C-alpha cells in the first residue's frame, strides 16, 4: 500500500508544480494579487494543497479497503485449492 501512495504523492506534487507554472505563465497569480493581494495567492496555493491532502486521504482509505478485501479473497481461494 505504501508503494502505491508514493506514486500518488509524486503525481500530486507534479500537479501542484504544473498549476503554479501555468498560473505564473498565464498571469493568474498577478490577477489574484491585484484583486486580493498576497493573501489571495497564498490562499489559492493553500486551497490546492488542502484539496490534494483530502484526495490523498481518500486514495489511501480506498487502497486500504481494497487490500483488506483482496487479502480475504486470497485466503478463500487457497482453502478451495487445498480441498481438491
N, C-alpha and C. Protein backbone atom coordinates (compact mmCIF):
# COMPACT_ATOMS: atom_id res chain seq x y z
N UNK A 1 0.83 -1.20 0.00
CA UNK A 1 0.00 0.00 0.00
C UNK A 1 0.87 1.25 0.00
N UNK A 2 1.97 1.21 0.73
CA UNK A 2 2.81 2.41 0.79
C UNK A 2 3.46 2.71 -0.55
N UNK A 3 3.77 1.67 -1.32
CA UNK A 3 4.37 1.87 -2.63
C UNK A 3 3.44 2.63 -3.57
N UNK A 4 2.15 2.31 -3.52
CA UNK A 4 1.18 3.00 -4.36
C UNK A 4 1.00 4.45 -3.95
N UNK A 5 1.09 4.71 -2.65
CA UNK A 5 0.91 6.08 -2.16
C UNK A 5 2.06 6.98 -2.61
N UNK A 6 3.22 6.40 -2.79
CA UNK A 6 4.36 7.20 -3.26
C UNK A 6 4.06 7.76 -4.65
N UNK A 7 3.48 6.92 -5.51
CA UNK A 7 3.16 7.37 -6.86
C UNK A 7 2.08 8.44 -6.85
N UNK A 8 1.06 8.27 -6.00
CA UNK A 8 0.01 9.28 -5.90
C UNK A 8 0.58 10.58 -5.33
N UNK A 9 1.48 10.48 -4.38
CA UNK A 9 2.13 11.67 -3.82
C UNK A 9 2.96 12.40 -4.86
N UNK A 10 3.72 11.64 -5.64
CA UNK A 10 4.54 12.24 -6.69
C UNK A 10 3.66 12.91 -7.74
N UNK A 11 2.55 12.26 -8.09
CA UNK A 11 1.64 12.85 -9.07
C UNK A 11 1.01 14.12 -8.52
N UNK A 12 0.70 14.14 -7.23
CA UNK A 12 0.10 15.32 -6.61
C UNK A 12 1.08 16.49 -6.61
N UNK A 13 2.33 16.22 -6.27
CA UNK A 13 3.35 17.28 -6.27
C UNK A 13 3.57 17.78 -7.70
N UNK A 14 3.59 16.86 -8.66
CA UNK A 14 3.76 17.25 -10.06
C UNK A 14 2.62 18.16 -10.51
N UNK A 15 1.38 17.81 -10.12
CA UNK A 15 0.23 18.63 -10.50
C UNK A 15 0.30 20.01 -9.84
N UNK A 16 0.77 20.08 -8.61
CA UNK A 16 0.93 21.38 -7.95
C UNK A 16 1.93 22.24 -8.71
N UNK A 17 3.03 21.64 -9.13
CA UNK A 17 4.04 22.38 -9.91
C UNK A 17 3.45 22.84 -11.24
N UNK A 18 2.68 21.98 -11.90
CA UNK A 18 2.07 22.34 -13.19
C UNK A 18 1.10 23.51 -13.01
N UNK A 19 0.29 23.47 -11.95
CA UNK A 19 -0.67 24.56 -11.71
C UNK A 19 0.07 25.86 -11.42
N UNK A 20 1.12 25.80 -10.61
CA UNK A 20 1.88 27.02 -10.29
C UNK A 20 2.51 27.60 -11.55
N UNK A 21 3.13 26.74 -12.37
CA UNK A 21 3.76 27.23 -13.60
C UNK A 21 2.70 27.82 -14.53
N UNK A 22 1.56 27.16 -14.66
CA UNK A 22 0.50 27.68 -15.53
C UNK A 22 -0.03 29.02 -15.03
N UNK A 23 -0.17 29.14 -13.72
CA UNK A 23 -0.66 30.40 -13.15
C UNK A 23 0.36 31.53 -13.34
N UNK A 24 1.63 31.21 -13.25
CA UNK A 24 2.66 32.24 -13.45
C UNK A 24 2.69 32.66 -14.92
N UNK A 25 2.66 31.68 -15.83
CA UNK A 25 2.74 32.00 -17.26
C UNK A 25 1.51 32.77 -17.73
N UNK A 26 0.34 32.36 -17.27
CA UNK A 26 -0.90 33.00 -17.74
C UNK A 26 -1.19 34.32 -17.05
N UNK A 27 -0.48 34.61 -15.98
CA UNK A 27 -0.73 35.85 -15.25
C UNK A 27 -1.82 35.71 -14.21
N UNK A 28 -2.19 34.49 -13.89
CA UNK A 28 -3.24 34.25 -12.91
C UNK A 28 -2.86 34.72 -11.51
N UNK A 29 -1.62 34.48 -11.13
CA UNK A 29 -1.18 34.95 -9.81
C UNK A 29 -1.17 36.47 -9.76
N UNK A 30 -0.80 37.11 -10.85
CA UNK A 30 -0.79 38.57 -10.89
C UNK A 30 -2.22 39.12 -10.73
N UNK A 31 -3.18 38.47 -11.40
CA UNK A 31 -4.58 38.92 -11.25
C UNK A 31 -5.07 38.69 -9.83
N UNK A 32 -4.72 37.55 -9.24
CA UNK A 32 -5.11 37.29 -7.85
C UNK A 32 -4.48 38.32 -6.91
N UNK A 33 -3.21 38.64 -7.16
CA UNK A 33 -2.52 39.59 -6.30
C UNK A 33 -3.11 40.99 -6.43
N UNK A 34 -3.49 41.38 -7.64
CA UNK A 34 -4.09 42.69 -7.84
C UNK A 34 -5.46 42.81 -7.17
N UNK A 35 -6.24 41.73 -7.24
CA UNK A 35 -7.60 41.81 -6.70
C UNK A 35 -7.67 41.46 -5.20
N UNK A 36 -6.90 40.48 -4.76
CA UNK A 36 -7.00 40.05 -3.37
C UNK A 36 -5.72 40.25 -2.55
N UNK A 37 -4.66 40.65 -3.21
CA UNK A 37 -3.40 40.84 -2.50
C UNK A 37 -2.63 39.53 -2.36
N UNK A 38 -1.60 39.58 -1.56
CA UNK A 38 -0.75 38.40 -1.35
C UNK A 38 -1.54 37.28 -0.68
N UNK A 39 -2.52 37.64 0.12
CA UNK A 39 -3.36 36.64 0.80
C UNK A 39 -4.09 35.77 -0.23
N UNK A 40 -4.52 36.36 -1.33
CA UNK A 40 -5.21 35.60 -2.37
C UNK A 40 -4.32 34.55 -3.01
N UNK A 41 -3.07 34.90 -3.27
CA UNK A 41 -2.12 33.96 -3.87
C UNK A 41 -1.83 32.83 -2.89
N UNK A 42 -1.53 33.19 -1.66
CA UNK A 42 -1.24 32.17 -0.65
C UNK A 42 -2.47 31.31 -0.39
N UNK A 43 -3.64 31.91 -0.37
CA UNK A 43 -4.88 31.17 -0.18
C UNK A 43 -5.15 30.19 -1.30
N UNK A 44 -4.86 30.59 -2.54
CA UNK A 44 -5.05 29.70 -3.68
C UNK A 44 -4.16 28.48 -3.55
N UNK A 45 -2.90 28.70 -3.23
CA UNK A 45 -1.96 27.57 -3.08
C UNK A 45 -2.37 26.70 -1.90
N UNK A 46 -2.77 27.32 -0.80
CA UNK A 46 -3.20 26.55 0.37
C UNK A 46 -4.45 25.73 0.06
N UNK A 47 -5.39 26.31 -0.68
CA UNK A 47 -6.60 25.58 -1.06
C UNK A 47 -6.25 24.37 -1.92
N UNK A 48 -5.35 24.55 -2.87
CA UNK A 48 -4.92 23.45 -3.73
C UNK A 48 -4.26 22.35 -2.90
N UNK A 49 -3.43 22.73 -1.94
CA UNK A 49 -2.75 21.74 -1.10
C UNK A 49 -3.76 20.99 -0.23
N UNK A 50 -4.75 21.70 0.33
CA UNK A 50 -5.78 21.05 1.16
C UNK A 50 -6.58 20.05 0.32
N UNK A 51 -6.98 20.45 -0.87
CA UNK A 51 -7.71 19.53 -1.76
C UNK A 51 -6.84 18.32 -2.08
N UNK A 52 -5.56 18.53 -2.29
CA UNK A 52 -4.63 17.45 -2.58
C UNK A 52 -4.51 16.49 -1.40
N UNK A 53 -4.43 17.01 -0.20
CA UNK A 53 -4.32 16.17 1.00
C UNK A 53 -5.60 15.35 1.19
N UNK A 54 -6.75 15.95 0.96
CA UNK A 54 -8.02 15.22 1.07
C UNK A 54 -8.07 14.11 0.03
N UNK A 55 -7.63 14.40 -1.18
CA UNK A 55 -7.59 13.39 -2.23
C UNK A 55 -6.68 12.24 -1.84
N UNK A 56 -5.51 12.56 -1.29
CA UNK A 56 -4.57 11.51 -0.87
C UNK A 56 -5.18 10.66 0.25
N UNK A 57 -5.90 11.27 1.17
CA UNK A 57 -6.52 10.51 2.26
C UNK A 57 -7.59 9.57 1.70
N UNK A 58 -8.36 10.05 0.73
CA UNK A 58 -9.38 9.20 0.13
C UNK A 58 -8.76 8.03 -0.63
N UNK A 59 -7.68 8.29 -1.36
CA UNK A 59 -7.00 7.22 -2.09
C UNK A 59 -6.41 6.21 -1.11
N UNK A 60 -5.82 6.70 -0.03
CA UNK A 60 -5.23 5.79 0.96
C UNK A 60 -6.30 4.90 1.58
N UNK A 61 -7.44 5.48 1.92
CA UNK A 61 -8.53 4.70 2.51
C UNK A 61 -9.05 3.67 1.51
N UNK A 62 -9.16 4.08 0.25
CA UNK A 62 -9.63 3.17 -0.79
C UNK A 62 -8.65 2.02 -1.00
N UNK A 63 -7.36 2.33 -1.06
CA UNK A 63 -6.35 1.29 -1.22
C UNK A 63 -6.34 0.34 -0.03
N UNK A 64 -6.51 0.88 1.16
CA UNK A 64 -6.51 0.05 2.37
C UNK A 64 -7.68 -0.91 2.35
N UNK A 65 -8.88 -0.43 2.01
CA UNK A 65 -10.05 -1.32 1.98
C UNK A 65 -9.91 -2.35 0.86
N UNK A 66 -9.33 -1.96 -0.27
CA UNK A 66 -9.13 -2.91 -1.37
C UNK A 66 -8.12 -3.98 -0.98
N UNK A 67 -7.08 -3.60 -0.25
CA UNK A 67 -6.10 -4.58 0.20
C UNK A 67 -6.72 -5.55 1.20
N UNK A 68 -7.57 -5.04 2.08
CA UNK A 68 -8.22 -5.91 3.06
C UNK A 68 -9.17 -6.88 2.38
N UNK A 69 -9.92 -6.41 1.40
CA UNK A 69 -10.85 -7.28 0.69
C UNK A 69 -10.09 -8.28 -0.18
N UNK A 70 -9.01 -7.83 -0.77
CA UNK A 70 -8.19 -8.72 -1.59
C UNK A 70 -7.53 -9.80 -0.76
N UNK A 71 -7.11 -9.46 0.43
CA UNK A 71 -6.49 -10.44 1.31
C UNK A 71 -7.46 -11.52 1.72
N UNK A 72 -8.72 -11.18 1.95
CA UNK A 72 -9.72 -12.17 2.33
C UNK A 72 -10.02 -13.09 1.16
N UNK A 73 -10.06 -12.55 -0.04
CA UNK A 73 -10.34 -13.37 -1.22
C UNK A 73 -9.23 -14.36 -1.49
N UNK A 74 -8.00 -13.98 -1.26
CA UNK A 74 -6.88 -14.88 -1.49
C UNK A 74 -6.90 -16.06 -0.55
N UNK A 75 -7.26 -15.85 0.72
CA UNK A 75 -7.27 -16.94 1.68
C UNK A 75 -8.35 -17.96 1.35
N UNK A 76 -9.50 -17.52 0.84
CA UNK A 76 -10.58 -18.46 0.49
C UNK A 76 -10.19 -19.27 -0.74
N UNK A 77 -9.47 -18.66 -1.66
CA UNK A 77 -9.04 -19.40 -2.85
C UNK A 77 -8.04 -20.48 -2.47
N UNK A 78 -7.17 -20.19 -1.52
CA UNK A 78 -6.19 -21.17 -1.09
C UNK A 78 -6.87 -22.36 -0.43
N UNK A 79 -7.90 -22.09 0.37
CA UNK A 79 -8.64 -23.17 1.03
C UNK A 79 -9.35 -24.05 -0.02
N UNK A 80 -9.91 -23.43 -1.06
CA UNK A 80 -10.59 -24.19 -2.10
C UNK A 80 -9.62 -25.11 -2.83
N UNK A 81 -8.43 -24.61 -3.11
CA UNK A 81 -7.43 -25.41 -3.82
C UNK A 81 -6.95 -26.58 -2.96
N UNK A 82 -6.80 -26.36 -1.65
CA UNK A 82 -6.29 -27.41 -0.78
C UNK A 82 -7.33 -28.51 -0.57
N UNK A 83 -8.63 -28.21 -0.72
CA UNK A 83 -9.66 -29.22 -0.54
C UNK A 83 -9.73 -30.16 -1.74
N UNK A 84 -9.29 -29.72 -2.90
CA UNK A 84 -9.37 -30.55 -4.11
C UNK A 84 -8.26 -31.51 -4.20
